[in-house]
């Protein structure tokens, strides 16, 4: 086999597979050379971590979604961050009156009425008057939020 420069060039230019391989090689060289421009990108930022903690009703009231604050809802003794659903839970929305509040009674009774909400300055609602069907509804809602 002849390995002279003229023979190598003729073999490279006559075989279509070599054209494809040459194109791939050029693309890879271009990609590697453009990687240096990626170093100008800002470093990734970790999202804010929310720690597990207990809330008093007054503390929970601060997370009502107003002034672009996060939106938290209390359901059956647990607090859920529903900020991603601002369209549903934010101020003026369908479930907006539950934002920053314990929504347990309203969810159990399937009611959005203001009288379903307890005063954040008052005692925590023990929900003692709920019947079995209402408790099941509350558990279903808690499962819904837990799944999110």
Protein backbone atom coordinates (compact mmCIF):
# COMPACT_ATOMS: atom_id res chain seq x y z
CA UNK A 1 0.00 0.00 0.00
CA UNK A 2 1.28 3.44 -0.94
CA UNK A 3 1.32 6.05 1.87
CA UNK A 4 2.47 9.07 -0.09
CA UNK A 5 0.73 12.37 0.56
CA UNK A 6 -0.86 12.39 -2.89
CA UNK A 7 -2.33 8.90 -2.39
CA UNK A 8 -3.68 9.77 1.06
CA UNK A 9 -5.34 12.94 -0.21
CA UNK A 10 -6.88 11.08 -3.17
CA UNK A 11 -8.24 8.33 -0.84
CA UNK A 12 -9.68 10.89 1.54
CA UNK A 13 -11.41 12.92 -1.18
CA UNK A 14 -12.78 9.96 -3.18
CA UNK A 15 -14.52 8.12 -0.32
CA UNK A 16 -17.83 9.76 0.86
CA UNK A 17 -17.47 8.21 4.32
CA UNK A 18 -14.32 10.25 4.80
CA UNK A 19 -16.28 13.42 4.02
CA UNK A 20 -18.76 12.61 6.77
CA UNK A 21 -16.00 11.72 9.25
CA UNK A 22 -14.19 14.93 8.35
CA UNK A 23 -17.36 16.94 9.00
CA UNK A 24 -17.84 15.25 12.36
CA UNK A 25 -14.21 15.93 13.28
CA UNK A 26 -14.56 19.61 12.34
CA UNK A 27 -17.78 19.92 14.34
CA UNK A 28 -16.11 18.37 17.39
CA UNK A 29 -13.16 20.74 17.12
CA UNK A 30 -15.55 23.69 16.86
CA UNK A 31 -17.56 22.46 19.87
CA UNK A 32 -14.45 22.06 21.99
CA UNK A 33 -13.18 25.50 21.06
CA UNK A 34 -16.52 27.13 21.92
CA UNK A 35 -16.59 25.50 25.40
CA UNK A 36 -14.30 28.23 26.66
CA UNK A 37 -17.10 30.77 26.14
CA UNK A 38 -19.27 28.79 28.59
CA UNK A 39 -16.93 29.76 31.40
CA UNK A 40 -18.46 33.25 31.28
CA UNK A 41 -21.84 31.88 32.44
CA UNK A 42 -22.72 32.63 36.06
CA UNK A 43 -22.47 29.69 38.44
CA UNK A 44 -25.72 27.86 39.16
CA UNK A 45 -27.63 29.05 42.21
CA UNK A 46 -29.23 26.55 44.57
CA UNK A 47 -32.89 27.36 45.28
CA UNK A 48 -33.77 28.67 48.70
CA UNK A 49 -34.12 25.82 51.16
CA UNK A 50 -37.06 25.92 53.50
CA UNK A 51 -36.37 24.30 56.82
CA UNK A 52 -38.90 22.14 58.60
CA UNK A 53 -40.30 23.99 61.57
CA UNK A 54 -43.45 24.74 63.48
CA UNK A 55 -45.52 27.87 62.91
CA UNK A 56 -47.85 29.74 65.16
CA UNK A 57 -50.98 31.06 63.45
CA UNK A 58 -49.52 34.59 63.66
CA UNK A 59 -46.26 33.49 62.02
CA UNK A 60 -48.14 31.63 59.30
CA UNK A 61 -50.16 34.79 58.53
CA UNK A 62 -47.01 36.45 57.14
CA UNK A 63 -46.90 33.92 54.29
CA UNK A 64 -50.03 35.12 52.49
CA UNK A 65 -48.48 35.84 49.09
CA UNK A 66 -48.87 39.60 49.36
CA UNK A 67 -45.88 41.72 48.31
CA UNK A 68 -44.45 38.66 46.46
CA UNK A 69 -44.01 36.71 49.70
CA UNK A 70 -44.22 32.90 49.66
CA UNK A 71 -47.64 31.35 50.17
CA UNK A 72 -48.07 28.78 52.95
CA UNK A 73 -51.26 26.94 53.86
CA UNK A 74 -51.90 24.93 57.02
CA UNK A 75 -53.77 21.65 56.54
CA UNK A 76 -54.44 19.21 59.38
CA UNK A 77 -51.45 20.25 61.48
CA UNK A 78 -48.95 20.56 58.61
CA UNK A 79 -47.84 23.60 56.64
CA UNK A 80 -47.39 23.44 52.86
CA UNK A 81 -45.60 25.87 50.57
CA UNK A 82 -48.04 26.44 47.70
CA UNK A 83 -46.16 29.39 46.19
CA UNK A 84 -45.84 27.63 42.84
CA UNK A 85 -49.63 27.67 42.60
CA UNK A 86 -49.87 31.45 43.07
CA UNK A 87 -52.71 31.56 40.53
CA UNK A 88 -54.81 29.31 42.79
CA UNK A 89 -53.62 30.35 46.26
CA UNK A 90 -52.43 33.93 45.83
CA UNK A 91 -54.29 37.11 46.80
CA UNK A 92 -57.62 37.44 45.00
CA UNK A 93 -57.59 33.86 43.71
CA UNK A 94 -60.04 31.02 44.25
CA UNK A 95 -58.27 29.68 47.37
CA UNK A 96 -56.67 33.02 48.25
CA UNK A 97 -58.47 33.36 51.59
CA UNK A 98 -56.58 30.23 52.79
CA UNK A 99 -53.14 31.78 52.13
CA UNK A 100 -51.18 32.23 55.33
CA UNK A 101 -53.92 30.51 57.32
CA UNK A 102 -54.97 27.12 58.64
CA UNK A 103 -57.31 25.99 55.87
CA UNK A 104 -58.32 22.72 57.59
CA UNK A 105 -61.91 23.62 58.48
CA UNK A 106 -62.69 25.17 55.10
CA UNK A 107 -61.20 22.23 53.21
CA UNK A 108 -62.95 19.68 55.43
CA UNK A 109 -66.30 21.38 54.85
CA UNK A 110 -65.52 22.22 51.20
CA UNK A 111 -66.23 25.88 51.88
CA UNK A 112 -64.31 29.02 50.98
CA UNK A 113 -66.35 31.21 53.30
CA UNK A 114 -64.47 33.57 55.60
CA UNK A 115 -66.27 32.15 58.64
CA UNK A 116 -64.43 28.87 58.06
CA UNK A 117 -61.16 30.58 58.98
CA UNK A 118 -60.00 31.04 62.54
CA UNK A 119 -58.51 34.25 63.84
CA UNK A 120 -54.67 33.98 63.82
CA UNK A 121 -54.66 35.73 67.21
CA UNK A 122 -57.11 33.23 68.68
CA UNK A 123 -56.80 29.60 69.69
CA UNK A 124 -55.90 26.86 67.24
CA UNK A 125 -59.00 25.18 65.82
CA UNK A 126 -59.17 21.63 67.24
CA UNK A 127 -61.74 20.59 64.59
CA UNK A 128 -63.61 18.54 67.21
CA UNK A 129 -67.02 19.08 65.62
CA UNK A 130 -66.12 17.55 62.23
CA UNK A 131 -68.06 14.43 61.23
CA UNK A 132 -66.51 11.34 59.56
CA UNK A 133 -67.18 12.59 56.04
CA UNK A 134 -65.52 15.93 56.78
CA UNK A 135 -62.50 14.22 58.35
CA UNK A 136 -62.18 12.08 55.22
CA UNK A 137 -62.37 15.17 53.05
CA UNK A 138 -59.63 16.78 55.16
CA UNK A 139 -57.44 13.66 54.87
CA UNK A 140 -57.97 13.68 51.10
CA UNK A 141 -56.88 17.31 50.90
CA UNK A 142 -53.84 16.60 53.09
CA UNK A 143 -52.93 13.74 50.75
CA UNK A 144 -53.29 16.08 47.79
CA UNK A 145 -50.87 18.61 49.28
CA UNK A 146 -48.53 15.85 50.45
CA UNK A 147 -48.33 14.59 46.87
CA UNK A 148 -47.23 17.99 45.64
